[in-house]
PDB file of N, CA and C in Angstrom:
ATOM      1  N   MET A   1      38.083 -17.421  12.760  1.00  0.00           N
ATOM      2  CA  MET A   1      37.256 -16.990  11.640  1.00  0.00           C
ATOM      3  C   MET A   1      35.924 -16.421  12.132  1.00  0.00           C
ATOM      4  N   ILE A   2      35.239 -17.170  13.003  1.00  0.00           N
ATOM      5  CA  ILE A   2      33.954 -16.709  13.516  1.00  0.00           C
ATOM      6  C   ILE A   2      34.145 -15.453  14.363  1.00  0.00           C
ATOM      7  N   GLN A   3      35.242 -15.424  15.119  1.00  0.00           N
ATOM      8  CA  GLN A   3      35.513 -14.268  15.968  1.00  0.00           C
ATOM      9  C   GLN A   3      35.702 -13.014  15.117  1.00  0.00           C
ATOM     10  N   LYS A   4      36.379 -13.135  13.974  1.00  0.00           N
ATOM     11  CA  LYS A   4      36.579 -11.993  13.082  1.00  0.00           C
ATOM     12  C   LYS A   4      35.249 -11.508  12.527  1.00  0.00           C
ATOM     13  N   GLN A   5      34.359 -12.462  12.182  1.00  0.00           N
ATOM     14  CA  GLN A   5      33.043 -12.082  11.670  1.00  0.00           C
ATOM     15  C   GLN A   5      32.223 -11.385  12.746  1.00  0.00           C
ATOM     16  N   LEU A   6      32.308 -11.869  13.985  1.00  0.00           N
ATOM     17  CA  LEU A   6      31.590 -11.222  15.086  1.00  0.00           C
ATOM     18  C   LEU A   6      32.118  -9.810  15.337  1.00  0.00           C
ATOM     19  N   VAL A   7      33.434  -9.662  15.282  1.00  0.00           N
ATOM     20  CA  VAL A   7      34.027  -8.339  15.477  1.00  0.00           C
ATOM     21  C   VAL A   7      33.584  -7.403  14.359  1.00  0.00           C
ATOM     22  N   GLN A   8      33.596  -7.880  13.132  1.00  0.00           N
ATOM     23  CA  GLN A   8      33.189  -7.056  11.990  1.00  0.00           C
ATOM     24  C   GLN A   8      31.711  -6.677  12.109  1.00  0.00           C
ATOM     25  N   ALA A   9      30.870  -7.637  12.471  1.00  0.00           N
ATOM     26  CA  ALA A   9      29.445  -7.353  12.632  1.00  0.00           C
ATOM     27  C   ALA A   9      29.217  -6.351  13.752  1.00  0.00           C
ATOM     28  N   THR A  10      29.933  -6.494  14.842  1.00  0.00           N
ATOM     29  CA  THR A  10      29.811  -5.551  15.952  1.00  0.00           C
ATOM     30  C   THR A  10      30.234  -4.157  15.526  1.00  0.00           C
ATOM     31  N   LYS A  11      31.321  -4.075  14.781  1.00  0.00           N
ATOM     32  CA  LYS A  11      31.782  -2.769  14.284  1.00  0.00           C
ATOM     33  C   LYS A  11      30.719  -2.125  13.396  1.00  0.00           C
ATOM     34  N   GLU A  12      30.121  -2.911  12.514  1.00  0.00           N
ATOM     35  CA  GLU A  12      29.099  -2.371  11.620  1.00  0.00           C
ATOM     36  C   GLU A  12      27.874  -1.905  12.397  1.00  0.00           C
ATOM     37  N   ILE A  13      27.479  -2.681  13.400  1.00  0.00           N
ATOM     38  CA  ILE A  13      26.319  -2.291  14.211  1.00  0.00           C
ATOM     39  C   ILE A  13      26.616  -1.008  14.981  1.00  0.00           C
ATOM     40  N   LEU A  14      27.791  -0.934  15.601  1.00  0.00           N
ATOM     41  CA  LEU A  14      28.157   0.273  16.334  1.00  0.00           C
ATOM     42  C   LEU A  14      28.264   1.478  15.409  1.00  0.00           C
ATOM     43  N   HIS A  15      28.822   1.275  14.228  1.00  0.00           N
ATOM     44  CA  HIS A  15      28.921   2.370  13.259  1.00  0.00           C
ATOM     45  C   HIS A  15      27.533   2.855  12.887  1.00  0.00           C
ATOM     46  N   PHE A  16      26.606   1.911  12.676  1.00  0.00           N
ATOM     47  CA  PHE A  16      25.239   2.302  12.332  1.00  0.00           C
ATOM     48  C   PHE A  16      24.596   3.046  13.500  1.00  0.00           C
ATOM     49  N   LEU A  17      24.788   2.562  14.732  1.00  0.00           N
ATOM     50  CA  LEU A  17      24.175   3.211  15.894  1.00  0.00           C
ATOM     51  C   LEU A  17      24.707   4.622  16.107  1.00  0.00           C
ATOM     52  N   PHE A  18      26.010   4.812  15.896  1.00  0.00           N
ATOM     53  CA  PHE A  18      26.591   6.129  16.137  1.00  0.00           C
ATOM     54  C   PHE A  18      26.389   7.084  14.961  1.00  0.00           C
ATOM     55  N   TYR A  19      26.234   6.545  13.781  1.00  0.00           N
ATOM     56  CA  TYR A  19      26.111   7.398  12.600  1.00  0.00           C
ATOM     57  C   TYR A  19      24.780   7.193  11.892  1.00  0.00           C
ATOM     58  N   TRP A  20      23.741   6.806  12.636  1.00  0.00           N
ATOM     59  CA  TRP A  20      22.451   6.533  12.005  1.00  0.00           C
ATOM     60  C   TRP A  20      21.863   7.778  11.372  1.00  0.00           C
ATOM     61  N   ASP A  21      22.143   8.942  11.950  1.00  0.00           N
ATOM     62  CA  ASP A  21      21.600  10.168  11.382  1.00  0.00           C
ATOM     63  C   ASP A  21      22.173  10.431   9.996  1.00  0.00           C
ATOM     64  N   GLU A  22      23.467  10.163   9.824  1.00  0.00           N
ATOM     65  CA  GLU A  22      24.056  10.305   8.489  1.00  0.00           C
ATOM     66  C   GLU A  22      23.443   9.290   7.531  1.00  0.00           C
ATOM     67  N   TYR A  23      23.207   8.098   8.027  1.00  0.00           N
ATOM     68  CA  TYR A  23      22.599   7.052   7.201  1.00  0.00           C
ATOM     69  C   TYR A  23      21.209   7.484   6.741  1.00  0.00           C
ATOM     70  N   ILE A  24      20.426   8.002   7.675  1.00  0.00           N
ATOM     71  CA  ILE A  24      19.069   8.443   7.345  1.00  0.00           C
ATOM     72  C   ILE A  24      19.112   9.600   6.355  1.00  0.00           C
ATOM     73  N   ILE A  25      20.014  10.544   6.598  1.00  0.00           N
ATOM     74  CA  ILE A  25      20.126  11.689   5.688  1.00  0.00           C
ATOM     75  C   ILE A  25      20.528  11.212   4.299  1.00  0.00           C
ATOM     76  N   ASN A  26      21.467  10.268   4.225  1.00  0.00           N
ATOM     77  CA  ASN A  26      21.860   9.734   2.926  1.00  0.00           C
ATOM     78  C   ASN A  26      20.697   9.035   2.240  1.00  0.00           C
ATOM     79  N   GLN A  27      19.915   8.283   3.002  1.00  0.00           N
ATOM     80  CA  GLN A  27      18.764   7.599   2.413  1.00  0.00           C
ATOM     81  C   GLN A  27      17.721   8.605   1.934  1.00  0.00           C
ATOM     82  N   LEU A  28      17.485   9.650   2.716  1.00  0.00           N
ATOM     83  CA  LEU A  28      16.532  10.681   2.294  1.00  0.00           C
ATOM     84  C   LEU A  28      17.021  11.394   1.041  1.00  0.00           C
ATOM     85  N   PHE A  29      18.322  11.680   0.992  1.00  0.00           N
ATOM     86  CA  PHE A  29      18.883  12.328  -0.183  1.00  0.00           C
ATOM     87  C   PHE A  29      18.730  11.429  -1.407  1.00  0.00           C
ATOM     88  N   LEU A  30      19.034  10.144  -1.222  1.00  0.00           N
ATOM     89  CA  LEU A  30      18.892   9.197  -2.324  1.00  0.00           C
ATOM     90  C   LEU A  30      17.432   9.099  -2.767  1.00  0.00           C
ATOM     91  N   SER A  31      16.521   9.056  -1.818  1.00  0.00           N
ATOM     92  CA  SER A  31      15.095   8.994  -2.146  1.00  0.00           C
ATOM     93  C   SER A  31      14.661  10.243  -2.904  1.00  0.00           C
ATOM     94  N   ALA A  32      15.108  11.405  -2.443  1.00  0.00           N
ATOM     95  CA  ALA A  32      14.765  12.652  -3.122  1.00  0.00           C
ATOM     96  C   ALA A  32      15.322  12.664  -4.534  1.00  0.00           C
ATOM     97  N   LEU A  33      16.540  12.169  -4.695  1.00  0.00           N
ATOM     98  CA  LEU A  33      17.148  12.115  -6.022  1.00  0.00           C
ATOM     99  C   LEU A  33      16.365  11.189  -6.947  1.00  0.00           C
ATOM    100  N   LEU A  34      15.976  10.032  -6.428  1.00  0.00           N
ATOM    101  CA  LEU A  34      15.190   9.101  -7.233  1.00  0.00           C
ATOM    102  C   LEU A  34      13.838   9.698  -7.613  1.00  0.00           C
ATOM    103  N   ILE A  35      13.225  10.397  -6.675  1.00  0.00           N
ATOM    104  CA  ILE A  35      11.928  11.019  -6.976  1.00  0.00           C
ATOM    105  C   ILE A  35      12.103  12.090  -8.046  1.00  0.00           C
ATOM    106  N   LEU A  36      13.187  12.855  -7.960  1.00  0.00           N
ATOM    107  CA  LEU A  36      13.424  13.867  -8.985  1.00  0.00           C
ATOM    108  C   LEU A  36      13.663  13.229 -10.349  1.00  0.00           C
ATOM    109  N   LEU A  37      14.414  12.133 -10.351  1.00  0.00           N
ATOM    110  CA  LEU A  37      14.733  11.496 -11.627  1.00  0.00           C
ATOM    111  C   LEU A  37      13.533  10.739 -12.210  1.00  0.00           C
ATOM    112  N   PHE A  38      12.832  10.011 -11.335  1.00  0.00           N
ATOM    113  CA  PHE A  38      11.764   9.152 -11.811  1.00  0.00           C
ATOM    114  C   PHE A  38      10.397   9.558 -11.260  1.00  0.00           C
ATOM    115  N   GLY A  39      10.290  10.780 -10.791  1.00  0.00           N
ATOM    116  CA  GLY A  39       9.076  11.234 -10.132  1.00  0.00           C
ATOM    117  C   GLY A  39       7.836  11.097 -10.973  1.00  0.00           C
ATOM    118  N   ARG A  40       7.954  11.473 -12.235  1.00  0.00           N
ATOM    119  CA  ARG A  40       6.781  11.417 -13.108  1.00  0.00           C
ATOM    120  C   ARG A  40       6.274   9.990 -13.248  1.00  0.00           C
ATOM    121  N   THR A  41       7.180   9.052 -13.378  1.00  0.00           N
ATOM    122  CA  THR A  41       6.794   7.647 -13.501  1.00  0.00           C
ATOM    123  C   THR A  41       6.113   7.172 -12.230  1.00  0.00           C
ATOM    124  N   PHE A  42       6.686   7.530 -11.071  1.00  0.00           N
ATOM    125  CA  PHE A  42       6.090   7.117  -9.804  1.00  0.00           C
ATOM    126  C   PHE A  42       4.712   7.733  -9.615  1.00  0.00           C
ATOM    127  N   ILE A  43       4.589   9.012  -9.958  1.00  0.00           N
ATOM    128  CA  ILE A  43       3.306   9.692  -9.802  1.00  0.00           C
ATOM    129  C   ILE A  43       2.261   9.072 -10.714  1.00  0.00           C
ATOM    130  N   LEU A  44       2.623   8.811 -11.962  1.00  0.00           N
ATOM    131  CA  LEU A  44       1.665   8.206 -12.891  1.00  0.00           C
ATOM    132  C   LEU A  44       1.271   6.805 -12.437  1.00  0.00           C
ATOM    133  N   ALA A  45       2.234   6.039 -11.944  1.00  0.00           N
ATOM    134  CA  ALA A  45       1.913   4.701 -11.445  1.00  0.00           C
ATOM    135  C   ALA A  45       1.005   4.793 -10.222  1.00  0.00           C
ATOM    136  N   GLY A  46       1.285   5.747  -9.345  1.00  0.00           N
ATOM    137  CA  GLY A  46       0.434   5.936  -8.170  1.00  0.00           C
ATOM    138  C   GLY A  46      -0.971   6.340  -8.545  1.00  0.00           C
ATOM    139  N   LEU A  47      -1.105   7.218  -9.520  1.00  0.00           N
ATOM    140  CA  LEU A  47      -2.435   7.624  -9.976  1.00  0.00           C
ATOM    141  C   LEU A  47      -3.188   6.451 -10.598  1.00  0.00           C
ATOM    142  N   GLU A  48      -2.484   5.619 -11.320  1.00  0.00           N
ATOM    143  CA  GLU A  48      -3.110   4.440 -11.928  1.00  0.00           C
ATOM    144  C   GLU A  48      -3.622   3.489 -10.846  1.00  0.00           C
ATOM    145  N   ILE A  49      -2.832   3.308  -9.803  1.00  0.00           N
ATOM    146  CA  ILE A  49      -3.255   2.430  -8.699  1.00  0.00           C
ATOM    147  C   ILE A  49      -4.489   3.009  -8.014  1.00  0.00           C
ATOM    148  N   VAL A  50      -4.483   4.326  -7.773  1.00  0.00           N
ATOM    149  CA  VAL A  50      -5.638   4.962  -7.131  1.00  0.00           C
ATOM    150  C   VAL A  50      -6.877   4.836  -8.014  1.00  0.00           C
ATOM    151  N   LYS A  51      -6.694   5.020  -9.319  1.00  0.00           N
ATOM    152  CA  LYS A  51      -7.821   4.926 -10.243  1.00  0.00           C
ATOM    153  C   LYS A  51      -8.410   3.518 -10.246  1.00  0.00           C
ATOM    154  N   LYS A  52      -7.551   2.507 -10.255  1.00  0.00           N
ATOM    155  CA  LYS A  52      -8.036   1.128 -10.233  1.00  0.00           C
ATOM    156  C   LYS A  52      -8.730   0.804  -8.916  1.00  0.00           C
ATOM    157  N   ALA A  53      -8.173   1.287  -7.804  1.00  0.00           N
ATOM    158  CA  ALA A  53      -8.794   1.044  -6.499  1.00  0.00           C
ATOM    159  C   ALA A  53     -10.159   1.720  -6.431  1.00  0.00           C
ATOM    160  N   TYR A  54     -10.267   2.945  -6.938  1.00  0.00           N
ATOM    161  CA  TYR A  54     -11.528   3.672  -6.950  1.00  0.00           C
ATOM    162  C   TYR A  54     -12.562   2.935  -7.797  1.00  0.00           C
ATOM    163  N   ARG A  55     -12.142   2.446  -8.963  1.00  0.00           N
ATOM    164  CA  ARG A  55     -13.046   1.698  -9.834  1.00  0.00           C
ATOM    165  C   ARG A  55     -13.503   0.406  -9.154  1.00  0.00           C
ATOM    166  N   PHE A  56     -12.585  -0.286  -8.480  1.00  0.00           N
ATOM    167  CA  PHE A  56     -12.915  -1.524  -7.771  1.00  0.00           C
ATOM    168  C   PHE A  56     -13.938  -1.255  -6.671  1.00  0.00           C
ATOM    169  N   ILE A  57     -13.738  -0.164  -5.913  1.00  0.00           N
ATOM    170  CA  ILE A  57     -14.667   0.178  -4.834  1.00  0.00           C
ATOM    171  C   ILE A  57     -16.041   0.514  -5.401  1.00  0.00           C
ATOM    172  N   LEU A  58     -16.074   1.279  -6.475  1.00  0.00           N
ATOM    173  CA  LEU A  58     -17.362   1.630  -7.077  1.00  0.00           C
ATOM    174  C   LEU A  58     -18.090   0.388  -7.599  1.00  0.00           C
ATOM    175  N   GLU A  59     -17.355  -0.522  -8.240  1.00  0.00           N
ATOM    176  CA  GLU A  59     -17.984  -1.749  -8.727  1.00  0.00           C
ATOM    177  C   GLU A  59     -18.504  -2.593  -7.571  1.00  0.00           C
ATOM    178  N   ALA A  60     -17.746  -2.668  -6.494  1.00  0.00           N
ATOM    179  CA  ALA A  60     -18.185  -3.445  -5.330  1.00  0.00           C
ATOM    180  C   ALA A  60     -19.438  -2.827  -4.717  1.00  0.00           C
ATOM    181  N   LEU A  61     -19.468  -1.502  -4.628  1.00  0.00           N
ATOM    182  CA  LEU A  61     -20.652  -0.844  -4.078  1.00  0.00           C
ATOM    183  C   LEU A  61     -21.863  -1.045  -4.987  1.00  0.00           C
ATOM    184  N   PHE A  62     -21.652  -0.960  -6.297  1.00  0.00           N
ATOM    185  CA  PHE A  62     -22.757  -1.165  -7.226  1.00  0.00           C
ATOM    186  C   PHE A  62     -23.292  -2.584  -7.122  1.00  0.00           C
ATOM    187  N   GLN A  63     -22.403  -3.571  -7.035  1.00  0.00           N
ATOM    188  CA  GLN A  63     -22.847  -4.957  -6.912  1.00  0.00           C
ATOM    189  C   GLN A  63     -23.590  -5.175  -5.604  1.00  0.00           C
ATOM    190  N   LYS A  64     -23.126  -4.563  -4.522  1.00  0.00           N
ATOM    191  CA  LYS A  64     -23.802  -4.700  -3.233  1.00  0.00           C
ATOM    192  C   LYS A  64     -25.169  -4.054  -3.304  1.00  0.00           C
ATOM    193  N   GLU A  65     -25.246  -2.873  -3.919  1.00  0.00           N
ATOM    194  CA  GLU A  65     -26.528  -2.188  -4.052  1.00  0.00           C
ATOM    195  C   GLU A  65     -27.478  -3.014  -4.904  1.00  0.00           C
ATOM    196  N   HIS A  66     -26.971  -3.593  -5.975  1.00  0.00           N
ATOM    197  CA  HIS A  66     -27.785  -4.426  -6.854  1.00  0.00           C
ATOM    198  C   HIS A  66     -28.270  -5.665  -6.100  1.00  0.00           C
ATOM    199  N   TYR A  67     -27.382  -6.281  -5.325  1.00  0.00           N
ATOM    200  CA  TYR A  67     -27.756  -7.460  -4.530  1.00  0.00           C
ATOM    201  C   TYR A  67     -28.802  -7.081  -3.486  1.00  0.00           C
ATOM    202  N   ASP A  68     -28.588  -5.948  -2.810  1.00  0.00           N
ATOM    203  CA  ASP A  68     -29.540  -5.523  -1.779  1.00  0.00           C
ATOM    204  C   ASP A  68     -30.913  -5.273  -2.366  1.00  0.00           C
ATOM    205  N   SER A  69     -30.972  -4.640  -3.544  1.00  0.00           N
ATOM    206  CA  SER A  69     -32.284  -4.360  -4.150  1.00  0.00           C
ATOM    207  C   SER A  69     -32.958  -5.661  -4.583  1.00  0.00           C
ATOM    208  N   GLU A  70     -32.194  -6.621  -5.102  1.00  0.00           N
ATOM    209  CA  GLU A  70     -32.781  -7.914  -5.468  1.00  0.00           C
ATOM    210  C   GLU A  70     -33.264  -8.655  -4.226  1.00  0.00           C
ATOM    211  N   HIS A  71     -32.489  -8.575  -3.145  1.00  0.00           N
ATOM    212  CA  HIS A  71     -32.838  -9.255  -1.902  1.00  0.00           C
ATOM    213  C   HIS A  71     -34.130  -8.659  -1.329  1.00  0.00           C
ATOM    214  N   VAL A  72     -34.240  -7.333  -1.336  1.00  0.00           N
ATOM    215  CA  VAL A  72     -35.449  -6.671  -0.835  1.00  0.00           C
ATOM    216  C   VAL A  72     -36.634  -7.040  -1.709  1.00  0.00           C
ATOM    217  N   PHE A  73     -36.449  -7.059  -3.035  1.00  0.00           N
ATOM    218  CA  PHE A  73     -37.535  -7.423  -3.942  1.00  0.00           C
ATOM    219  C   PHE A  73     -37.978  -8.864  -3.686  1.00  0.00           C
ATOM    220  N   ALA A  74     -37.010  -9.759  -3.466  1.00  0.00           N
ATOM    221  CA  ALA A  74     -37.355 -11.157  -3.192  1.00  0.00           C
ATOM    222  C   ALA A  74     -38.109 -11.270  -1.880  1.00  0.00           C
ATOM    223  N   LEU A  75     -37.707 -10.527  -0.875  1.00  0.00           N
ATOM    224  CA  LEU A  75     -38.415 -10.553   0.405  1.00  0.00           C
ATOM    225  C   LEU A  75     -39.837 -10.021   0.253  1.00  0.00           C
ATOM    226  N   GLN A  76     -39.993  -8.944  -0.510  1.00  0.00           N
ATOM    227  CA  GLN A  76     -41.318  -8.378  -0.715  1.00  0.00           C
ATOM    228  C   GLN A  76     -42.203  -9.352  -1.486  1.00  0.00           C
ATOM    229  N   THR A  77     -41.625 -10.021  -2.460  1.00  0.00           N
ATOM    230  CA  THR A  77     -42.383 -10.982  -3.257  1.00  0.00           C
ATOM    231  C   THR A  77     -42.794 -12.171  -2.404  1.00  0.00           C
ATOM    232  N   ASN A  78     -41.858 -12.669  -1.600  1.00  0.00           N
ATOM    233  CA  ASN A  78     -42.162 -13.829  -0.753  1.00  0.00           C
ATOM    234  C   ASN A  78     -43.218 -13.498   0.279  1.00  0.00           C
ATOM    235  N   THR A  79     -43.145 -12.343   0.890  1.00  0.00           N
ATOM    236  CA  THR A  79     -44.147 -11.991   1.901  1.00  0.00           C
ATOM    237  C   THR A  79     -45.479 -11.687   1.242  1.00  0.00           C
ATOM    238  N   GLY A  80     -45.436 -11.169   0.026  1.00  0.00           N
ATOM    239  CA  GLY A  80     -46.680 -10.882  -0.690  1.00  0.00           C
ATOM    240  C   GLY A  80     -47.404 -12.153  -1.073  1.00  0.00           C
ATOM    241  N   ASP A  81     -46.651 -13.218  -1.394  1.00  0.00           N
ATOM    242  CA  ASP A  81     -47.285 -14.476  -1.774  1.00  0.00           C
ATOM    243  C   ASP A  81     -47.955 -15.152  -0.589  1.00  0.00           C
ATOM    244  N   ARG A  82     -47.412 -14.948   0.583  1.00  0.00           N
ATOM    245  CA  ARG A  82     -47.960 -15.595   1.765  1.00  0.00           C
ATOM    246  C   ARG A  82     -49.293 -14.977   2.192  1.00  0.00           C
ATOM    247  N   GLN A  83     -49.486 -13.725   1.908  1.00  0.00           N
ATOM    248  CA  GLN A  83     -50.702 -13.054   2.358  1.00  0.00           C
ATOM    249  C   GLN A  83     -51.812 -13.426   1.470  1.00  0.00           C
TER     250      GLN A  83
END
């Protein structure tokens, strides 16, 4: 039983190694077909992800800028009190 499974697995591996180019071409064809069929959905989802990432980056930069300005103001206030 195990020997048959090993032989079958070896056959599948050898088939993949010798015919990998056909496998890749089939996968590319399938991917192209899926993009043609569902391309608009994928593009819209991708744009939504980019938009959310852009908004997240802008919010993070704004918060950092706000923190930096408060930190500088606090430093100026603290040094001003000491003088």
